[in-house]
């Protein structure tokens, strides 16, 4: 009789562990190649480049070029295609940047046109 209790307890513990394991999401199963997430992040980063460049009185075109090279290298390592074209109109305290961003992989792509207008008042 005592042996049966140990066996039933062991089976119960194994079943509970299996149920617990199935209930938790494995972080490694998250899709790290989520195209929409990457594209949204890329748009935010380009907007940040424009804002920081204007606040620091830096050349927006130069900073966009540098960030574009970094982003292109990053996405090339992930077998994704990243293209950007832009037109910058900048004065001392204002900037307007028209951006076309393309990000794609073998199966799909996302592209968007956006205009970033920023002003700095002293």
PDB file of N, CA and C in Angstrom:
ATOM      1  N   UNK A   1       0.806  -1.185   0.000  1.00  0.00           N
ATOM      2  CA  UNK A   1       0.000   0.000   0.000  1.00  0.00           C
ATOM      3  C   UNK A   1       0.857   1.260   0.000  1.00  0.00           C
ATOM      4  N   UNK A   2       1.981   1.261   0.747  1.00  0.00           N
ATOM      5  CA  UNK A   2       2.826   2.444   0.796  1.00  0.00           C
ATOM      6  C   UNK A   2       3.484   2.713  -0.557  1.00  0.00           C
ATOM      7  N   UNK A   3       3.834   1.702  -1.274  1.00  0.00           N
ATOM      8  CA  UNK A   3       4.459   1.859  -2.586  1.00  0.00           C
ATOM      9  C   UNK A   3       3.526   2.485  -3.599  1.00  0.00           C
ATOM     10  N   UNK A   4       2.244   2.175  -3.490  1.00  0.00           N
ATOM     11  CA  UNK A   4       1.263   2.735  -4.407  1.00  0.00           C
ATOM     12  C   UNK A   4       1.103   4.244  -4.190  1.00  0.00           C
ATOM     13  N   UNK A   5       1.200   4.690  -2.969  1.00  0.00           N
ATOM     14  CA  UNK A   5       1.080   6.130  -2.687  1.00  0.00           C
ATOM     15  C   UNK A   5       2.244   6.886  -3.330  1.00  0.00           C
ATOM     16  N   UNK A   6       3.446   6.334  -3.250  1.00  0.00           N
ATOM     17  CA  UNK A   6       4.602   6.974  -3.889  1.00  0.00           C
ATOM     18  C   UNK A   6       4.441   7.025  -5.408  1.00  0.00           C
ATOM     19  N   UNK A   7       3.926   5.953  -5.961  1.00  0.00           N
ATOM     20  CA  UNK A   7       3.728   5.899  -7.410  1.00  0.00           C
ATOM     21  C   UNK A   7       2.670   6.913  -7.851  1.00  0.00           C
ATOM     22  N   UNK A   8       1.551   6.986  -7.147  1.00  0.00           N
ATOM     23  CA  UNK A   8       0.487   7.937  -7.472  1.00  0.00           C
ATOM     24  C   UNK A   8       0.992   9.373  -7.297  1.00  0.00           C
ATOM     25  N   UNK A   9       1.743   9.618  -6.244  1.00  0.00           N
ATOM     26  CA  UNK A   9       2.295  10.954  -6.007  1.00  0.00           C
ATOM     27  C   UNK A   9       3.266  11.338  -7.117  1.00  0.00           C
ATOM     28  N   UNK A  10       4.117  10.411  -7.541  1.00  0.00           N
ATOM     29  CA  UNK A  10       5.079  10.692  -8.610  1.00  0.00           C
ATOM     30  C   UNK A  10       4.364  10.998  -9.921  1.00  0.00           C
ATOM     31  N   UNK A  11       3.329  10.234 -10.236  1.00  0.00           N
ATOM     32  CA  UNK A  11       2.557  10.481 -11.462  1.00  0.00           C
ATOM     33  C   UNK A  11       1.865  11.834 -11.385  1.00  0.00           C
ATOM     34  N   UNK A  12       1.309  12.148 -10.231  1.00  0.00           N
ATOM     35  CA  UNK A  12       0.646  13.439 -10.046  1.00  0.00           C
ATOM     36  C   UNK A  12       1.634  14.593 -10.221  1.00  0.00           C
ATOM     37  N   UNK A  13       2.826  14.476  -9.663  1.00  0.00           N
ATOM     38  CA  UNK A  13       3.844  15.518  -9.793  1.00  0.00           C
ATOM     39  C   UNK A  13       4.274  15.677 -11.239  1.00  0.00           C
ATOM     40  N   UNK A  14       4.461  14.578 -11.955  1.00  0.00           N
ATOM     41  CA  UNK A  14       4.856  14.646 -13.367  1.00  0.00           C
ATOM     42  C   UNK A  14       3.767  15.333 -14.187  1.00  0.00           C
ATOM     43  N   UNK A  15       2.511  14.982 -13.930  1.00  0.00           N
ATOM     44  CA  UNK A  15       1.404  15.623 -14.661  1.00  0.00           C
ATOM     45  C   UNK A  15       1.363  17.120 -14.363  1.00  0.00           C
ATOM     46  N   UNK A  16       1.557  17.511 -13.131  1.00  0.00           N
ATOM     47  CA  UNK A  16       1.562  18.935 -12.774  1.00  0.00           C
ATOM     48  C   UNK A  16       2.707  19.675 -13.447  1.00  0.00           C
ATOM     49  N   UNK A  17       3.890  19.061 -13.498  1.00  0.00           N
ATOM     50  CA  UNK A  17       5.026  19.704 -14.163  1.00  0.00           C
ATOM     51  C   UNK A  17       4.782  19.869 -15.655  1.00  0.00           C
ATOM     52  N   UNK A  18       4.171  18.871 -16.277  1.00  0.00           N
ATOM     53  CA  UNK A  18       3.853  18.973 -17.707  1.00  0.00           C
ATOM     54  C   UNK A  18       2.843  20.088 -17.945  1.00  0.00           C
ATOM     55  N   UNK A  19       1.838  20.179 -17.108  1.00  0.00           N
ATOM     56  CA  UNK A  19       0.845  21.246 -17.259  1.00  0.00           C
ATOM     57  C   UNK A  19       1.446  22.621 -17.015  1.00  0.00           C
ATOM     58  N   UNK A  20       2.326  22.733 -16.035  1.00  0.00           N
ATOM     59  CA  UNK A  20       2.993  24.012 -15.791  1.00  0.00           C
ATOM     60  C   UNK A  20       3.873  24.413 -16.962  1.00  0.00           C
ATOM     61  N   UNK A  21       4.581  23.463 -17.508  1.00  0.00           N
ATOM     62  CA  UNK A  21       5.472  23.740 -18.648  1.00  0.00           C
ATOM     63  C   UNK A  21       4.674  24.222 -19.849  1.00  0.00           C
ATOM     64  N   UNK A  22       3.528  23.604 -20.087  1.00  0.00           N
ATOM     65  CA  UNK A  22       2.689  23.994 -21.221  1.00  0.00           C
ATOM     66  C   UNK A  22       2.045  25.362 -20.994  1.00  0.00           C
ATOM     67  N   UNK A  23       1.870  25.745 -19.739  1.00  0.00           N
ATOM     68  CA  UNK A  23       1.222  27.010 -19.430  1.00  0.00           C
ATOM     69  C   UNK A  23       2.107  28.225 -19.574  1.00  0.00           C
ATOM     70  N   UNK A  24       3.416  28.041 -19.511  1.00  0.00           N
ATOM     71  CA  UNK A  24       4.336  29.158 -19.625  1.00  0.00           C
ATOM     72  C   UNK A  24       4.819  29.305 -21.057  1.00  0.00           C
ATOM     73  N   UNK A  25       4.883  30.557 -21.525  1.00  0.00           N
ATOM     74  CA  UNK A  25       5.381  30.803 -22.866  1.00  0.00           C
ATOM     75  C   UNK A  25       6.896  30.831 -22.835  1.00  0.00           C
ATOM     76  N   UNK A  26       7.489  30.149 -23.761  1.00  0.00           N
ATOM     77  CA  UNK A  26       8.934  30.101 -23.868  1.00  0.00           C
ATOM     78  C   UNK A  26       9.416  31.357 -24.590  1.00  0.00           C
ATOM     79  N   UNK A  27      10.293  32.124 -23.971  1.00  0.00           N
ATOM     80  CA  UNK A  27      10.776  33.374 -24.552  1.00  0.00           C
ATOM     81  C   UNK A  27      11.498  33.123 -25.865  1.00  0.00           C
ATOM     82  N   UNK A  28      12.173  32.001 -25.995  1.00  0.00           N
ATOM     83  CA  UNK A  28      12.902  31.720 -27.226  1.00  0.00           C
ATOM     84  C   UNK A  28      11.966  31.490 -28.400  1.00  0.00           C
ATOM     85  N   UNK A  29      10.677  31.265 -28.126  1.00  0.00           N
ATOM     86  CA  UNK A  29       9.734  31.035 -29.221  1.00  0.00           C
ATOM     87  C   UNK A  29       9.200  32.335 -29.809  1.00  0.00           C
ATOM     88  N   UNK A  30       9.531  33.470 -29.200  1.00  0.00           N
ATOM     89  CA  UNK A  30       9.087  34.744 -29.754  1.00  0.00           C
ATOM     90  C   UNK A  30       9.734  34.966 -31.111  1.00  0.00           C
ATOM     91  N   UNK A  31       8.972  35.469 -32.044  1.00  0.00           N
ATOM     92  CA  UNK A  31       9.472  35.685 -33.399  1.00  0.00           C
ATOM     93  C   UNK A  31      10.322  36.946 -33.418  1.00  0.00           C
ATOM     94  N   UNK A  32      11.606  36.759 -33.533  1.00  0.00           N
ATOM     95  CA  UNK A  32      12.525  37.889 -33.531  1.00  0.00           C
ATOM     96  C   UNK A  32      12.584  38.558 -34.904  1.00  0.00           C
ATOM     97  N   UNK A  33      11.945  37.984 -35.892  1.00  0.00           N
ATOM     98  CA  UNK A  33      11.937  38.549 -37.237  1.00  0.00           C
ATOM     99  C   UNK A  33      10.588  39.160 -37.570  1.00  0.00           C
ATOM    100  N   UNK A  34       9.895  39.648 -36.583  1.00  0.00           N
ATOM    101  CA  UNK A  34       8.595  40.247 -36.809  1.00  0.00           C
ATOM    102  C   UNK A  34       8.778  41.525 -37.620  1.00  0.00           C
ATOM    103  N   UNK A  35       8.392  41.468 -38.862  1.00  0.00           N
ATOM    104  CA  UNK A  35       8.649  42.553 -39.805  1.00  0.00           C
ATOM    105  C   UNK A  35       7.970  43.854 -39.383  1.00  0.00           C
ATOM    106  N   UNK A  36       6.733  43.765 -38.922  1.00  0.00           N
ATOM    107  CA  UNK A  36       6.026  44.978 -38.530  1.00  0.00           C
ATOM    108  C   UNK A  36       6.707  45.657 -37.343  1.00  0.00           C
ATOM    109  N   UNK A  37       7.113  44.864 -36.356  1.00  0.00           N
ATOM    110  CA  UNK A  37       7.802  45.413 -35.188  1.00  0.00           C
ATOM    111  C   UNK A  37       9.096  46.099 -35.613  1.00  0.00           C
ATOM    112  N   UNK A  38       9.875  45.439 -36.476  1.00  0.00           N
ATOM    113  CA  UNK A  38      11.129  46.028 -36.946  1.00  0.00           C
ATOM    114  C   UNK A  38      10.888  47.317 -37.713  1.00  0.00           C
ATOM    115  N   UNK A  39       9.855  47.330 -38.554  1.00  0.00           N
ATOM    116  CA  UNK A  39       9.567  48.515 -39.353  1.00  0.00           C
ATOM    117  C   UNK A  39       9.135  49.684 -38.469  1.00  0.00           C
ATOM    118  N   UNK A  40       8.283  49.410 -37.499  1.00  0.00           N
ATOM    119  CA  UNK A  40       7.840  50.461 -36.582  1.00  0.00           C
ATOM    120  C   UNK A  40       9.022  51.017 -35.790  1.00  0.00           C
ATOM    121  N   UNK A  41       9.890  50.140 -35.339  1.00  0.00           N
ATOM    122  CA  UNK A  41      11.094  50.555 -34.615  1.00  0.00           C
ATOM    123  C   UNK A  41      11.995  51.408 -35.512  1.00  0.00           C
ATOM    124  N   UNK A  42      12.138  51.011 -36.759  1.00  0.00           N
ATOM    125  CA  UNK A  42      12.971  51.748 -37.707  1.00  0.00           C
ATOM    126  C   UNK A  42      12.426  53.157 -37.943  1.00  0.00           C
ATOM    127  N   UNK A  43      11.122  53.285 -38.090  1.00  0.00           N
ATOM    128  CA  UNK A  43      10.515  54.610 -38.266  1.00  0.00           C
ATOM    129  C   UNK A  43      10.765  55.498 -37.046  1.00  0.00           C
ATOM    130  N   UNK A  44      10.623  54.934 -35.864  1.00  0.00           N
ATOM    131  CA  UNK A  44      10.868  55.700 -34.648  1.00  0.00           C
ATOM    132  C   UNK A  44      12.318  56.144 -34.558  1.00  0.00           C
ATOM    133  N   UNK A  45      13.237  55.270 -34.947  1.00  0.00           N
ATOM    134  CA  UNK A  45      14.653  55.625 -34.876  1.00  0.00           C
ATOM    135  C   UNK A  45      15.008  56.729 -35.870  1.00  0.00           C
ATOM    136  N   UNK A  46      14.450  56.682 -37.073  1.00  0.00           N
ATOM    137  CA  UNK A  46      14.707  57.762 -38.026  1.00  0.00           C
ATOM    138  C   UNK A  46      14.140  59.080 -37.507  1.00  0.00           C
ATOM    139  N   UNK A  47      12.988  59.047 -36.877  1.00  0.00           N
ATOM    140  CA  UNK A  47      12.425  60.260 -36.280  1.00  0.00           C
ATOM    141  C   UNK A  47      13.336  60.783 -35.177  1.00  0.00           C
ATOM    142  N   UNK A  48      13.876  59.888 -34.359  1.00  0.00           N
ATOM    143  CA  UNK A  48      14.802  60.295 -33.300  1.00  0.00           C
ATOM    144  C   UNK A  48      16.081  60.901 -33.868  1.00  0.00           C
ATOM    145  N   UNK A  49      16.574  60.377 -34.970  1.00  0.00           N
ATOM    146  CA  UNK A  49      17.778  60.934 -35.597  1.00  0.00           C
ATOM    147  C   UNK A  49      17.529  62.386 -35.996  1.00  0.00           C
ATOM    148  N   UNK A  50      16.374  62.651 -36.580  1.00  0.00           N
ATOM    149  CA  UNK A  50      16.048  64.019 -36.992  1.00  0.00           C
ATOM    150  C   UNK A  50      15.934  64.925 -35.771  1.00  0.00           C
ATOM    151  N   UNK A  51      15.234  64.476 -34.735  1.00  0.00           N
ATOM    152  CA  UNK A  51      15.046  65.298 -33.544  1.00  0.00           C
ATOM    153  C   UNK A  51      16.374  65.613 -32.852  1.00  0.00           C
ATOM    154  N   UNK A  52      17.188  64.602 -32.646  1.00  0.00           N
ATOM    155  CA  UNK A  52      18.462  64.806 -31.949  1.00  0.00           C
ATOM    156  C   UNK A  52      19.393  65.678 -32.779  1.00  0.00           C
ATOM    157  N   UNK A  53      19.403  65.480 -34.074  1.00  0.00           N
ATOM    158  CA  UNK A  53      20.250  66.297 -34.939  1.00  0.00           C
ATOM    159  C   UNK A  53      19.860  67.770 -34.861  1.00  0.00           C
ATOM    160  N   UNK A  54      18.580  68.025 -34.868  1.00  0.00           N
ATOM    161  CA  UNK A  54      18.120  69.410 -34.806  1.00  0.00           C
ATOM    162  C   UNK A  54      18.397  70.027 -33.443  1.00  0.00           C
ATOM    163  N   UNK A  55      18.166  69.269 -32.383  1.00  0.00           N
ATOM    164  CA  UNK A  55      18.421  69.794 -31.039  1.00  0.00           C
ATOM    165  C   UNK A  55      19.904  70.084 -30.803  1.00  0.00           C
ATOM    166  N   UNK A  56      20.776  69.286 -31.399  1.00  0.00           N
ATOM    167  CA  UNK A  56      22.222  69.471 -31.219  1.00  0.00           C
ATOM    168  C   UNK A  56      22.843  70.328 -32.323  1.00  0.00           C
ATOM    169  N   UNK A  57      22.001  70.917 -33.165  1.00  0.00           N
ATOM    170  CA  UNK A  57      22.460  71.749 -34.291  1.00  0.00           C
ATOM    171  C   UNK A  57      23.458  70.992 -35.163  1.00  0.00           C
ATOM    172  N   UNK A  58      23.147  69.737 -35.456  1.00  0.00           N
ATOM    173  CA  UNK A  58      24.007  68.905 -36.299  1.00  0.00           C
ATOM    174  C   UNK A  58      23.398  68.778 -37.685  1.00  0.00           C
ATOM    175  N   UNK A  59      24.190  68.279 -38.603  1.00  0.00           N
ATOM    176  CA  UNK A  59      23.756  68.085 -39.975  1.00  0.00           C
ATOM    177  C   UNK A  59      22.843  66.862 -40.041  1.00  0.00           C
ATOM    178  N   UNK A  60      21.585  67.077 -40.378  1.00  0.00           N
ATOM    179  CA  UNK A  60      20.606  65.994 -40.414  1.00  0.00           C
ATOM    180  C   UNK A  60      20.953  64.991 -41.504  1.00  0.00           C
ATOM    181  N   UNK A  61      21.364  65.469 -42.665  1.00  0.00           N
ATOM    182  CA  UNK A  61      21.696  64.578 -43.776  1.00  0.00           C
ATOM    183  C   UNK A  61      22.834  63.633 -43.414  1.00  0.00           C
ATOM    184  N   UNK A  62      23.860  64.171 -42.797  1.00  0.00           N
ATOM    185  CA  UNK A  62      25.006  63.344 -42.396  1.00  0.00           C
ATOM    186  C   UNK A  62      24.577  62.282 -41.389  1.00  0.00           C
ATOM    187  N   UNK A  63      23.781  62.673 -40.403  1.00  0.00           N
ATOM    188  CA  UNK A  63      23.333  61.725 -39.383  1.00  0.00           C
ATOM    189  C   UNK A  63      22.392  60.668 -39.953  1.00  0.00           C
ATOM    190  N   UNK A  64      21.520  61.065 -40.889  1.00  0.00           N
ATOM    191  CA  UNK A  64      20.659  60.088 -41.539  1.00  0.00           C
ATOM    192  C   UNK A  64      21.481  59.089 -42.351  1.00  0.00           C
ATOM    193  N   UNK A  65      22.508  59.595 -43.044  1.00  0.00           N
ATOM    194  CA  UNK A  65      23.380  58.697 -43.816  1.00  0.00           C
ATOM    195  C   UNK A  65      24.085  57.695 -42.905  1.00  0.00           C
ATOM    196  N   UNK A  66      24.607  58.170 -41.793  1.00  0.00           N
ATOM    197  CA  UNK A  66      25.318  57.283 -40.864  1.00  0.00           C
ATOM    198  C   UNK A  66      24.381  56.238 -40.262  1.00  0.00           C
ATOM    199  N   UNK A  67      23.189  56.672 -39.855  1.00  0.00           N
ATOM    200  CA  UNK A  67      22.248  55.711 -39.284  1.00  0.00           C
ATOM    201  C   UNK A  67      21.767  54.725 -40.344  1.00  0.00           C
ATOM    202  N   UNK A  68      21.584  55.204 -41.554  1.00  0.00           N
ATOM    203  CA  UNK A  68      21.138  54.330 -42.639  1.00  0.00           C
ATOM    204  C   UNK A  68      22.135  53.210 -42.904  1.00  0.00           C
ATOM    205  N   UNK A  69      23.432  53.531 -42.848  1.00  0.00           N
ATOM    206  CA  UNK A  69      24.466  52.509 -43.043  1.00  0.00           C
ATOM    207  C   UNK A  69      24.405  51.474 -41.918  1.00  0.00           C
ATOM    208  N   UNK A  70      24.257  51.939 -40.676  1.00  0.00           N
ATOM    209  CA  UNK A  70      24.154  51.013 -39.541  1.00  0.00           C
ATOM    210  C   UNK A  70      22.916  50.120 -39.661  1.00  0.00           C
ATOM    211  N   UNK A  71      21.795  50.714 -40.008  1.00  0.00           N
ATOM    212  CA  UNK A  71      20.558  49.943 -40.131  1.00  0.00           C
ATOM    213  C   UNK A  71      20.652  48.943 -41.276  1.00  0.00           C
ATOM    214  N   UNK A  72      21.239  49.362 -42.382  1.00  0.00           N
ATOM    215  CA  UNK A  72      21.373  48.462 -43.532  1.00  0.00           C
ATOM    216  C   UNK A  72      22.262  47.270 -43.187  1.00  0.00           C
ATOM    217  N   UNK A  73      23.368  47.505 -42.482  1.00  0.00           N
ATOM    218  CA  UNK A  73      24.233  46.402 -42.047  1.00  0.00           C
ATOM    219  C   UNK A  73      23.476  45.452 -41.121  1.00  0.00           C
ATOM    220  N   UNK A  74      22.717  46.014 -40.192  1.00  0.00           N
ATOM    221  CA  UNK A  74      21.954  45.196 -39.247  1.00  0.00           C
ATOM    222  C   UNK A  74      20.954  44.301 -39.983  1.00  0.00           C
ATOM    223  N   UNK A  75      20.203  44.876 -40.909  1.00  0.00           N
ATOM    224  CA  UNK A  75      19.182  44.100 -41.602  1.00  0.00           C
ATOM    225  C   UNK A  75      19.784  43.156 -42.640  1.00  0.00           C
ATOM    226  N   UNK A  76      20.920  43.487 -43.197  1.00  0.00           N
ATOM    227  CA  UNK A  76      21.598  42.550 -44.107  1.00  0.00           C
ATOM    228  C   UNK A  76      22.031  41.292 -43.361  1.00  0.00           C
ATOM    229  N   UNK A  77      22.467  41.441 -42.107  1.00  0.00           N
ATOM    230  CA  UNK A  77      22.846  40.282 -41.310  1.00  0.00           C
ATOM    231  C   UNK A  77      21.651  39.383 -41.017  1.00  0.00           C
ATOM    232  N   UNK A  78      20.466  39.946 -41.038  1.00  0.00           N
ATOM    233  CA  UNK A  78      19.244  39.177 -40.794  1.00  0.00           C
ATOM    234  C   UNK A  78      18.550  38.786 -42.094  1.00  0.00           C
ATOM    235  N   UNK A  79      19.253  38.911 -43.226  1.00  0.00           N
ATOM    236  CA  UNK A  79      18.717  38.569 -44.557  1.00  0.00           C
ATOM    237  C   UNK A  79      17.465  39.366 -44.887  1.00  0.00           C
ATOM    238  N   UNK A  80      17.495  40.645 -44.547  1.00  0.00           N
ATOM    239  CA  UNK A  80      16.389  41.547 -44.850  1.00  0.00           C
ATOM    240  C   UNK A  80      16.938  42.694 -45.700  1.00  0.00           C
ATOM    241  N   UNK A  81      16.050  43.305 -46.459  1.00  0.00           N
ATOM    242  CA  UNK A  81      16.437  44.425 -47.318  1.00  0.00           C
ATOM    243  C   UNK A  81      15.897  45.712 -46.711  1.00  0.00           C
ATOM    244  N   UNK A  82      16.780  46.699 -46.594  1.00  0.00           N
ATOM    245  CA  UNK A  82      16.413  48.003 -46.032  1.00  0.00           C
ATOM    246  C   UNK A  82      16.860  49.076 -47.010  1.00  0.00           C
ATOM    247  N   UNK A  83      15.918  49.893 -47.456  1.00  0.00           N
ATOM    248  CA  UNK A  83      16.233  51.021 -48.328  1.00  0.00           C
ATOM    249  C   UNK A  83      15.574  52.272 -47.770  1.00  0.00           C
ATOM    250  N   UNK A  84      16.237  53.381 -48.003  1.00  0.00           N
ATOM    251  CA  UNK A  84      15.682  54.658 -47.567  1.00  0.00           C
ATOM    252  C   UNK A  84      16.047  55.721 -48.595  1.00  0.00           C
ATOM    253  N   UNK A  85      15.134  56.632 -48.806  1.00  0.00           N
ATOM    254  CA  UNK A  85      15.436  57.836 -49.570  1.00  0.00           C
ATOM    255  C   UNK A  85      14.768  58.989 -48.831  1.00  0.00           C
ATOM    256  N   UNK A  86      15.399  60.151 -48.901  1.00  0.00           N
ATOM    257  CA  UNK A  86      14.874  61.273 -48.143  1.00  0.00           C
ATOM    258  C   UNK A  86      15.253  62.590 -48.798  1.00  0.00           C
ATOM    259  N   UNK A  87      14.503  63.614 -48.402  1.00  0.00           N
ATOM    260  CA  UNK A  87      14.755  64.978 -48.832  1.00  0.00           C
ATOM    261  C   UNK A  87      14.694  65.850 -47.584  1.00  0.00           C
ATOM    262  N   UNK A  88      15.778  66.578 -47.316  1.00  0.00           N
ATOM    263  CA  UNK A  88      15.866  67.392 -46.106  1.00  0.00           C
ATOM    264  C   UNK A  88      15.805  68.865 -46.477  1.00  0.00           C
ATOM    265  N   UNK A  89      14.932  69.590 -45.800  1.00  0.00           N
ATOM    266  CA  UNK A  89      14.872  71.043 -45.886  1.00  0.00           C
ATOM    267  C   UNK A  89      15.136  71.553 -44.482  1.00  0.00           C
ATOM    268  N   UNK A  90      16.256  72.259 -44.309  1.00  0.00           N
ATOM    269  CA  UNK A  90      16.672  72.639 -42.958  1.00  0.00           C
ATOM    270  C   UNK A  90      17.042  74.115 -42.904  1.00  0.00           C
ATOM    271  N   UNK A  91      16.562  74.775 -41.830  1.00  0.00           N
ATOM    272  CA  UNK A  91      16.995  76.124 -41.504  1.00  0.00           C
ATOM    273  C   UNK A  91      17.649  76.065 -40.127  1.00  0.00           C
ATOM    274  N   UNK A  92      17.915  77.193 -39.542  1.00  0.00           N
ATOM    275  CA  UNK A  92      18.584  77.217 -38.242  1.00  0.00           C
ATOM    276  C   UNK A  92      17.757  76.519 -37.163  1.00  0.00           C
ATOM    277  N   UNK A  93      16.468  76.778 -37.140  1.00  0.00           N
ATOM    278  CA  UNK A  93      15.652  76.226 -36.057  1.00  0.00           C
ATOM    279  C   UNK A  93      14.544  75.296 -36.539  1.00  0.00           C
ATOM    280  N   UNK A  94      14.441  75.070 -37.820  1.00  0.00           N
ATOM    281  CA  UNK A  94      13.377  74.218 -38.355  1.00  0.00           C
ATOM    282  C   UNK A  94      13.961  73.158 -39.286  1.00  0.00           C
ATOM    283  N   UNK A  95      13.267  72.049 -39.367  1.00  0.00           N
ATOM    284  CA  UNK A  95      13.666  71.003 -40.302  1.00  0.00           C
ATOM    285  C   UNK A  95      12.420  70.272 -40.779  1.00  0.00           C
ATOM    286  N   UNK A  96      12.430  69.933 -42.045  1.00  0.00           N
ATOM    287  CA  UNK A  96      11.388  69.111 -42.628  1.00  0.00           C
ATOM    288  C   UNK A  96      12.083  68.002 -43.410  1.00  0.00           C
ATOM    289  N   UNK A  97      11.758  66.781 -43.087  1.00  0.00           N
ATOM    290  CA  UNK A  97      12.383  65.635 -43.736  1.00  0.00           C
ATOM    291  C   UNK A  97      11.273  64.763 -44.313  1.00  0.00           C
ATOM    292  N   UNK A  98      11.357  64.529 -45.613  1.00  0.00           N
ATOM    293  CA  UNK A  98      10.443  63.606 -46.280  1.00  0.00           C
ATOM    294  C   UNK A  98      11.184  62.289 -46.444  1.00  0.00           C
ATOM    295  N   UNK A  99      10.664  61.230 -45.837  1.00  0.00           N
ATOM    296  CA  UNK A  99      11.324  59.926 -45.828  1.00  0.00           C
ATOM    297  C   UNK A  99      10.505  58.889 -46.572  1.00  0.00           C
ATOM    298  N   UNK A 100      11.186  58.047 -47.329  1.00  0.00           N
ATOM    299  CA  UNK A 100      10.586  56.833 -47.863  1.00  0.00           C
ATOM    300  C   UNK A 100      11.398  55.684 -47.292  1.00  0.00           C
ATOM    301  N   UNK A 101      10.740  54.793 -46.565  1.00  0.00           N
ATOM    302  CA  UNK A 101      11.427  53.672 -45.927  1.00  0.00           C
ATOM    303  C   UNK A 101      10.857  52.373 -46.478  1.00  0.00           C
ATOM    304  N   UNK A 102      11.754  51.444 -46.802  1.00  0.00           N
ATOM    305  CA  UNK A 102      11.377  50.117 -47.281  1.00  0.00           C
ATOM    306  C   UNK A 102      12.107  49.090 -46.435  1.00  0.00           C
ATOM    307  N   UNK A 103      11.375  48.100 -45.944  1.00  0.00           N
ATOM    308  CA  UNK A 103      11.972  46.997 -45.206  1.00  0.00           C
ATOM    309  C   UNK A 103      11.269  45.723 -45.639  1.00  0.00           C
ATOM    310  N   UNK A 104      12.056  44.740 -46.068  1.00  0.00           N
ATOM    311  CA  UNK A 104      11.446  43.507 -46.536  1.00  0.00           C
ATOM    312  C   UNK A 104      12.330  42.307 -46.314  1.00  0.00           C
ATOM    313  N   UNK A 105      11.718  41.138 -46.443  1.00  0.00           N
ATOM    314  CA  UNK A 105      12.455  39.889 -46.406  1.00  0.00           C
ATOM    315  C   UNK A 105      12.020  39.062 -47.615  1.00  0.00           C
ATOM    316  N   UNK A 106      12.290  37.776 -47.600  1.00  0.00           N
ATOM    317  CA  UNK A 106      11.976  36.936 -48.745  1.00  0.00           C
ATOM    318  C   UNK A 106      10.481  36.812 -49.008  1.00  0.00           C
ATOM    319  N   UNK A 107       9.667  36.936 -47.965  1.00  0.00           N
ATOM    320  CA  UNK A 107       8.238  36.677 -48.106  1.00  0.00           C
ATOM    321  C   UNK A 107       7.373  37.921 -48.196  1.00  0.00           C
ATOM    322  N   UNK A 108       7.800  39.011 -47.572  1.00  0.00           N
ATOM    323  CA  UNK A 108       6.946  40.187 -47.527  1.00  0.00           C
ATOM    324  C   UNK A 108       7.780  41.446 -47.337  1.00  0.00           C
ATOM    325  N   UNK A 109       7.107  42.576 -47.438  1.00  0.00           N
ATOM    326  CA  UNK A 109       7.785  43.854 -47.236  1.00  0.00           C
ATOM    327  C   UNK A 109       6.789  44.878 -46.709  1.00  0.00           C
ATOM    328  N   UNK A 110       7.339  45.939 -46.138  1.00  0.00           N
ATOM    329  CA  UNK A 110       6.551  47.089 -45.699  1.00  0.00           C
ATOM    330  C   UNK A 110       7.289  48.331 -46.172  1.00  0.00           C
ATOM    331  N   UNK A 111       6.550  49.283 -46.681  1.00  0.00           N
ATOM    332  CA  UNK A 111       7.152  50.561 -47.057  1.00  0.00           C
ATOM    333  C   UNK A 111       6.200  51.676 -46.645  1.00  0.00           C
ATOM    334  N   UNK A 112       6.772  52.845 -46.456  1.00  0.00           N
ATOM    335  CA  UNK A 112       5.950  53.968 -46.013  1.00  0.00           C
ATOM    336  C   UNK A 112       6.651  55.269 -46.358  1.00  0.00           C
ATOM    337  N   UNK A 113       5.860  56.281 -46.613  1.00  0.00           N
ATOM    338  CA  UNK A 113       6.342  57.653 -46.761  1.00  0.00           C
ATOM    339  C   UNK A 113       5.934  58.408 -45.509  1.00  0.00           C
ATOM    340  N   UNK A 114       6.853  59.166 -44.966  1.00  0.00           N
ATOM    341  CA  UNK A 114       6.477  59.992 -43.829  1.00  0.00           C
ATOM    342  C   UNK A 114       7.205  61.323 -43.897  1.00  0.00           C
ATOM    343  N   UNK A 115       6.604  62.316 -43.286  1.00  0.00           N
ATOM    344  CA  UNK A 115       7.171  63.657 -43.224  1.00  0.00           C
ATOM    345  C   UNK A 115       7.398  63.985 -41.755  1.00  0.00           C
ATOM    346  N   UNK A 116       8.617  64.388 -41.448  1.00  0.00           N
ATOM    347  CA  UNK A 116       8.979  64.766 -40.077  1.00  0.00           C
ATOM    348  C   UNK A 116       9.251  66.260 -40.076  1.00  0.00           C
ATOM    349  N   UNK A 117       8.417  67.018 -39.373  1.00  0.00           N
ATOM    350  CA  UNK A 117       8.592  68.462 -39.233  1.00  0.00           C
ATOM    351  C   UNK A 117       8.913  68.748 -37.787  1.00  0.00           C
ATOM    352  N   UNK A 118      10.034  69.425 -37.570  1.00  0.00           N
ATOM    353  CA  UNK A 118      10.450  69.758 -36.202  1.00  0.00           C
ATOM    354  C   UNK A 118      10.925  71.206 -36.156  1.00  0.00           C
ATOM    355  N   UNK A 119      10.671  71.850 -35.016  1.00  0.00           N
ATOM    356  CA  UNK A 119      11.135  73.212 -34.773  1.00  0.00           C
ATOM    357  C   UNK A 119      11.774  73.284 -33.402  1.00  0.00           C
ATOM    358  N   UNK A 120      12.791  74.120 -33.285  1.00  0.00           N
ATOM    359  CA  UNK A 120      13.437  74.366 -32.006  1.00  0.00           C
ATOM    360  C   UNK A 120      13.330  75.853 -31.713  1.00  0.00           C
ATOM    361  N   UNK A 121      12.790  76.170 -30.546  1.00  0.00           N
ATOM    362  CA  UNK A 121      12.649  77.568 -30.145  1.00  0.00           C
ATOM    363  C   UNK A 121      13.616  77.840 -29.005  1.00  0.00           C
ATOM    364  N   UNK A 122      14.330  78.948 -29.108  1.00  0.00           N
ATOM    365  CA  UNK A 122      15.267  79.268 -28.034  1.00  0.00           C
ATOM    366  C   UNK A 122      14.750  80.377 -27.158  1.00  0.00           C
TER     367      UNK A 122
END
